[in-house]
Amino acid sequence: TDLAARLPQVILGGLAIAAMFLTGFYYKRNWFTGLAAAGLMAIEPWTLFPSRAVFQSNGAVLLLCLAMAAYFRSQKKGKYFILSLFLLGLSMLAYHNTRIFVPLLAVGMLVISAKSKIKWGWLVIVGVAAAIVLVPTSRSRSGWVGILNQGAIAYLEQSRNQSTLSPVLTKLIYN
């Protein structure tokens, strides 16, 4: 039913707003900042509309907000940094677009937090575990949606060979 399909998305959207409150609160240690961040997230279209329909991105948005809240919390208590990296890893499994910017975000977080009280041994363990889990899943998906997957190459070769156009036009169209 519509309710069964949309209710989990509405719940994820509401939880993402609560997570954005935590992110804003832990960023400045200020209730007003948390409320402002949550209020803005509640009314902005890129969160409002997908949380009312069935989109995969809602889970990733929630995990990213929780990861950032844990990261800002780790500035006072270093043990939350590992939780932040774990949530970032989960967000990469939740939605394929996060595989593009989450590694950059994680590297930035590591560089910024290099002087804090983080135990680097744990970071190596988490990094190796994340690579073991994420590399095979991202490789399997990229084989099908990448710009040079085998199906696309075979289609282009077949189209070039069957074309009745001049060689210049054939190269222009099918390259």
Protein backbone atom coordinates (compact mmCIF):
# COMPACT_ATOMS: atom_id res chain seq x y z
CA THR A 1 0.00 0.00 0.00
CA ASP A 2 0.98 3.63 -0.24
CA LEU A 3 1.22 3.88 3.53
CA ALA A 4 3.51 0.86 3.78
CA ALA A 5 5.82 2.28 1.12
CA ARG A 6 5.90 5.91 2.27
CA LEU A 7 5.74 5.66 6.07
CA PRO A 8 9.35 4.40 6.46
CA GLN A 9 10.56 7.27 4.26
CA VAL A 10 8.68 9.82 6.38
CA ILE A 11 10.21 8.29 9.51
CA LEU A 12 13.71 8.45 7.97
CA GLY A 13 13.10 12.09 7.00
CA GLY A 14 12.00 12.95 10.55
CA LEU A 15 14.99 11.17 12.03
CA ALA A 16 17.27 13.04 9.61
CA ILE A 17 15.89 16.34 10.93
CA ALA A 18 16.61 15.21 14.50
CA ALA A 19 20.11 14.15 13.42
CA MET A 20 20.64 17.56 11.84
CA PHE A 21 19.67 19.13 15.16
CA LEU A 22 22.40 17.07 16.83
CA THR A 23 24.86 18.06 14.12
CA GLY A 24 24.14 21.77 14.59
CA PHE A 25 24.15 21.46 18.37
CA TYR A 26 27.48 19.63 18.56
CA TYR A 27 29.03 21.95 15.98
CA LYS A 28 28.59 25.12 18.08
CA ARG A 29 27.45 23.68 21.44
CA ASN A 30 24.42 25.92 21.10
CA TRP A 31 20.70 25.01 21.16
CA PHE A 32 19.82 27.79 18.75
CA THR A 33 22.27 26.53 16.13
CA GLY A 34 20.81 23.03 16.41
CA LEU A 35 17.24 24.29 16.09
CA ALA A 36 18.14 26.53 13.15
CA ALA A 37 19.88 23.68 11.32
CA ALA A 38 16.95 21.33 11.94
CA GLY A 39 14.42 23.96 10.91
CA LEU A 40 16.22 24.72 7.69
CA MET A 41 16.53 21.05 6.87
CA ALA A 42 12.82 20.52 7.54
CA ILE A 43 11.77 23.10 4.94
CA GLU A 44 14.42 22.80 2.26
CA PRO A 45 13.15 20.99 -0.86
CA TRP A 46 16.06 18.53 -1.27
CA THR A 47 15.06 16.87 1.99
CA LEU A 48 11.35 17.62 2.16
CA PHE A 49 10.24 16.09 -1.13
CA PRO A 50 12.31 12.89 -1.12
CA SER A 51 11.11 12.10 2.40
CA ARG A 52 7.52 12.16 1.15
CA ALA A 53 8.17 9.73 -1.69
CA VAL A 54 10.11 6.50 -1.93
CA PHE A 55 13.76 7.34 -2.61
CA GLN A 56 16.89 5.47 -1.58
CA SER A 57 18.67 8.66 -0.67
CA ASN A 58 16.70 9.19 2.57
CA GLY A 59 18.64 6.53 4.45
CA ALA A 60 21.95 7.95 3.25
CA VAL A 61 20.97 11.47 4.34
CA LEU A 62 20.12 10.19 7.82
CA LEU A 63 23.41 8.30 8.09
CA LEU A 64 25.41 11.29 6.87
CA CYS A 65 23.76 13.60 9.41
CA LEU A 66 24.41 11.11 12.20
CA ALA A 67 28.02 10.73 11.05
CA MET A 68 28.58 14.48 11.11
CA ALA A 69 26.95 14.74 14.55
CA ALA A 70 29.27 12.00 15.83
CA TYR A 71 32.24 13.77 14.22
CA PHE A 72 31.49 17.09 15.91
CA ARG A 73 30.87 15.24 19.18
CA SER A 74 34.28 13.59 18.78
CA GLN A 75 35.96 16.98 19.05
CA LYS A 76 35.33 16.75 22.82
CA LYS A 77 35.29 12.95 23.19
CA GLY A 78 37.52 11.18 20.70
CA LYS A 79 35.73 7.83 20.92
CA TYR A 80 32.89 9.15 18.73
CA PHE A 81 35.25 9.51 15.77
CA ILE A 82 35.19 5.76 15.10
CA LEU A 83 31.38 5.85 15.22
CA SER A 84 31.45 8.69 12.71
CA LEU A 85 33.62 6.71 10.29
CA PHE A 86 31.40 3.66 10.74
CA LEU A 87 28.28 5.69 9.90
CA LEU A 88 30.01 7.15 6.85
CA GLY A 89 30.78 3.62 5.71
CA LEU A 90 27.14 2.61 6.16
CA SER A 91 26.02 5.63 4.16
CA MET A 92 28.18 4.40 1.28
CA LEU A 93 26.22 1.15 1.33
CA ALA A 94 22.88 2.97 1.57
CA TYR A 95 23.10 4.99 -1.64
CA HIS A 96 25.50 4.80 -4.55
CA ASN A 97 26.15 8.56 -4.94
CA THR A 98 27.68 8.74 -1.48
CA ARG A 99 30.53 6.55 -2.73
CA ILE A 100 31.81 9.58 -4.60
CA PHE A 101 32.08 12.19 -1.86
CA VAL A 102 32.19 10.21 1.40
CA PRO A 103 35.82 9.11 0.90
CA LEU A 104 36.77 12.75 0.32
CA LEU A 105 34.79 13.78 3.39
CA ALA A 106 36.44 11.06 5.49
CA VAL A 107 39.93 12.09 4.38
CA GLY A 108 39.10 15.71 5.24
CA MET A 109 37.86 14.65 8.65
CA LEU A 110 41.06 12.66 9.24
CA VAL A 111 43.25 15.61 8.25
CA ILE A 112 41.33 18.04 10.45
CA SER A 113 41.34 15.62 13.38
CA ALA A 114 44.99 14.62 13.06
CA LYS A 115 45.94 16.58 16.18
CA SER A 116 43.16 15.26 18.39
CA LYS A 117 43.18 12.37 20.84
CA ILE A 118 42.23 9.73 18.29
CA LYS A 119 43.94 6.37 18.51
CA TRP A 120 45.43 5.81 15.05
CA GLY A 121 45.50 2.02 15.45
CA TRP A 122 41.72 1.96 15.56
CA LEU A 123 41.55 4.14 12.45
CA VAL A 124 43.72 1.67 10.55
CA ILE A 125 41.51 -1.22 11.64
CA VAL A 126 38.34 0.65 10.62
CA GLY A 127 39.91 1.68 7.30
CA VAL A 128 40.93 -1.87 6.42
CA ALA A 129 37.51 -3.23 7.41
CA ALA A 130 35.77 -0.56 5.34
CA ALA A 131 37.94 -1.33 2.33
CA ILE A 132 37.22 -5.05 2.62
CA VAL A 133 33.47 -4.40 2.70
CA LEU A 134 33.14 -1.45 0.33
CA VAL A 135 35.57 -2.14 -2.49
CA PRO A 136 33.82 -5.29 -3.78
CA THR A 137 30.38 -3.68 -3.59
CA SER A 138 31.45 -0.52 -5.37
CA ARG A 139 33.29 -2.51 -8.05
CA SER A 140 30.24 -4.67 -8.76
CA ARG A 141 28.01 -1.63 -9.22
CA SER A 142 30.53 0.35 -11.25
CA GLY A 143 30.77 -2.51 -13.72
CA TRP A 144 27.14 -1.91 -14.67
CA VAL A 145 26.71 1.84 -14.36
CA GLY A 146 30.16 3.06 -15.34
CA ILE A 147 30.75 4.95 -18.54
CA LEU A 148 32.69 2.04 -20.05
CA ASN A 149 30.79 -1.09 -19.05
CA GLN A 150 30.95 -4.11 -21.35
CA GLY A 151 27.35 -3.79 -22.56
CA ALA A 152 27.91 -0.21 -23.72
CA ILE A 153 31.14 -1.08 -25.50
CA ALA A 154 29.52 -4.00 -27.31
CA TYR A 155 26.57 -1.80 -28.30
CA LEU A 156 28.86 0.90 -29.71
CA GLU A 157 30.90 -1.65 -31.69
CA GLN A 158 27.77 -3.20 -33.14
CA SER A 159 26.31 0.21 -34.02
CA ARG A 160 29.53 1.26 -35.77
CA ASN A 161 29.72 -1.95 -37.77
CA GLN A 162 26.07 -1.78 -38.89
CA SER A 163 26.05 1.92 -39.73
CA THR A 164 25.36 2.93 -43.35
CA LEU A 165 26.64 6.46 -42.81
CA SER A 166 29.99 7.76 -43.92
CA PRO A 167 32.95 6.79 -41.70
CA VAL A 168 33.29 10.36 -40.41
CA LEU A 169 29.64 10.57 -39.37
CA THR A 170 29.76 7.07 -37.89
CA LYS A 171 32.71 8.03 -35.69
CA LEU A 172 31.01 11.30 -34.74
CA ILE A 173 27.73 9.64 -33.75
CA TYR A 174 29.01 6.46 -32.10
CA ASN A 175 31.99 7.87 -30.20
